[in-house]
């Protein structure tokens, strides 16, 4: 069975205020083509940021890896 390690994180600055800014990151390894980061769209909070990071990681996994 194939396996991969990926690290995800999401965070929000000034959560709960009108100035809240949330972002996410996905790290597969140094220089990996699927590393991602960005801002969260919609409501800005850390929960949405964490979920966005996990969602981005899952989207990059091939169906064959999941079914192996």
Protein backbone atom coordinates (compact mmCIF):
# COMPACT_ATOMS: atom_id res chain seq x y z
CA UNK A 1 0.00 0.00 0.00
CA UNK A 2 1.32 3.45 -0.92
CA UNK A 3 1.57 6.11 1.75
CA UNK A 4 2.42 9.78 1.95
CA UNK A 5 2.98 12.26 4.73
CA UNK A 6 1.49 15.72 4.45
CA UNK A 7 1.36 18.52 6.99
CA UNK A 8 -1.54 20.97 7.10
CA UNK A 9 -2.28 24.04 9.16
CA UNK A 10 -4.73 26.88 9.31
CA UNK A 11 -4.71 30.00 11.43
CA UNK A 12 -6.56 33.24 11.92
CA UNK A 13 -5.22 36.59 13.06
CA UNK A 14 -7.58 38.83 15.03
CA UNK A 15 -10.24 36.11 15.11
CA UNK A 16 -13.63 37.35 16.23
CA UNK A 17 -13.02 40.90 15.05
CA UNK A 18 -13.90 42.73 11.86
CA UNK A 19 -10.17 42.64 10.96
CA UNK A 20 -9.90 38.82 11.10
CA UNK A 21 -7.65 37.29 8.41
CA UNK A 22 -7.45 33.51 7.98
CA UNK A 23 -5.03 31.46 5.92
CA UNK A 24 -3.96 27.87 5.33
CA UNK A 25 -0.91 25.87 4.30
CA UNK A 26 -0.26 22.38 2.92
CA UNK A 27 3.29 21.00 2.99
CA UNK A 28 4.23 17.76 1.22
CA UNK A 29 8.00 18.35 1.39
CA UNK A 30 10.73 20.77 0.34
CA UNK A 31 10.06 22.02 -3.18
CA UNK A 32 7.11 19.66 -3.71
CA UNK A 33 4.82 20.72 -6.57
CA UNK A 34 1.69 20.24 -4.43
CA UNK A 35 2.72 22.56 -1.58
CA UNK A 36 0.00 25.19 -1.21
CA UNK A 37 -0.87 28.21 0.89
CA UNK A 38 -3.44 30.94 0.68
CA UNK A 39 -6.17 33.00 2.23
CA UNK A 40 -9.52 31.61 3.28
CA UNK A 41 -12.59 32.88 1.43
CA UNK A 42 -15.82 33.67 3.22
CA UNK A 43 -16.03 34.03 6.99
CA UNK A 44 -12.58 34.37 8.55
CA UNK A 45 -11.85 31.99 11.43
CA UNK A 46 -9.31 29.33 12.38
CA UNK A 47 -11.74 26.42 12.02
CA UNK A 48 -12.43 27.29 8.38
CA UNK A 49 -8.68 27.70 7.83
CA UNK A 50 -7.90 24.24 9.25
CA UNK A 51 -10.64 22.66 7.14
CA UNK A 52 -9.45 24.46 4.01
CA UNK A 53 -5.93 23.09 4.54
CA UNK A 54 -7.21 19.53 4.96
CA UNK A 55 -9.48 19.90 1.93
CA UNK A 56 -6.61 21.13 -0.25
CA UNK A 57 -4.44 18.17 0.84
CA UNK A 58 -7.19 15.64 0.11
CA UNK A 59 -7.83 17.15 -3.33
CA UNK A 60 -4.23 16.46 -4.38
CA UNK A 61 -4.22 12.76 -3.45
CA UNK A 62 -4.80 10.53 -6.46
CA UNK A 63 -7.65 8.06 -6.45
CA UNK A 64 -5.18 5.20 -6.98
CA UNK A 65 -3.29 6.05 -3.78
CA UNK A 66 -6.51 6.03 -1.78
CA UNK A 67 -7.61 2.70 -3.24
CA UNK A 68 -4.21 0.94 -2.93
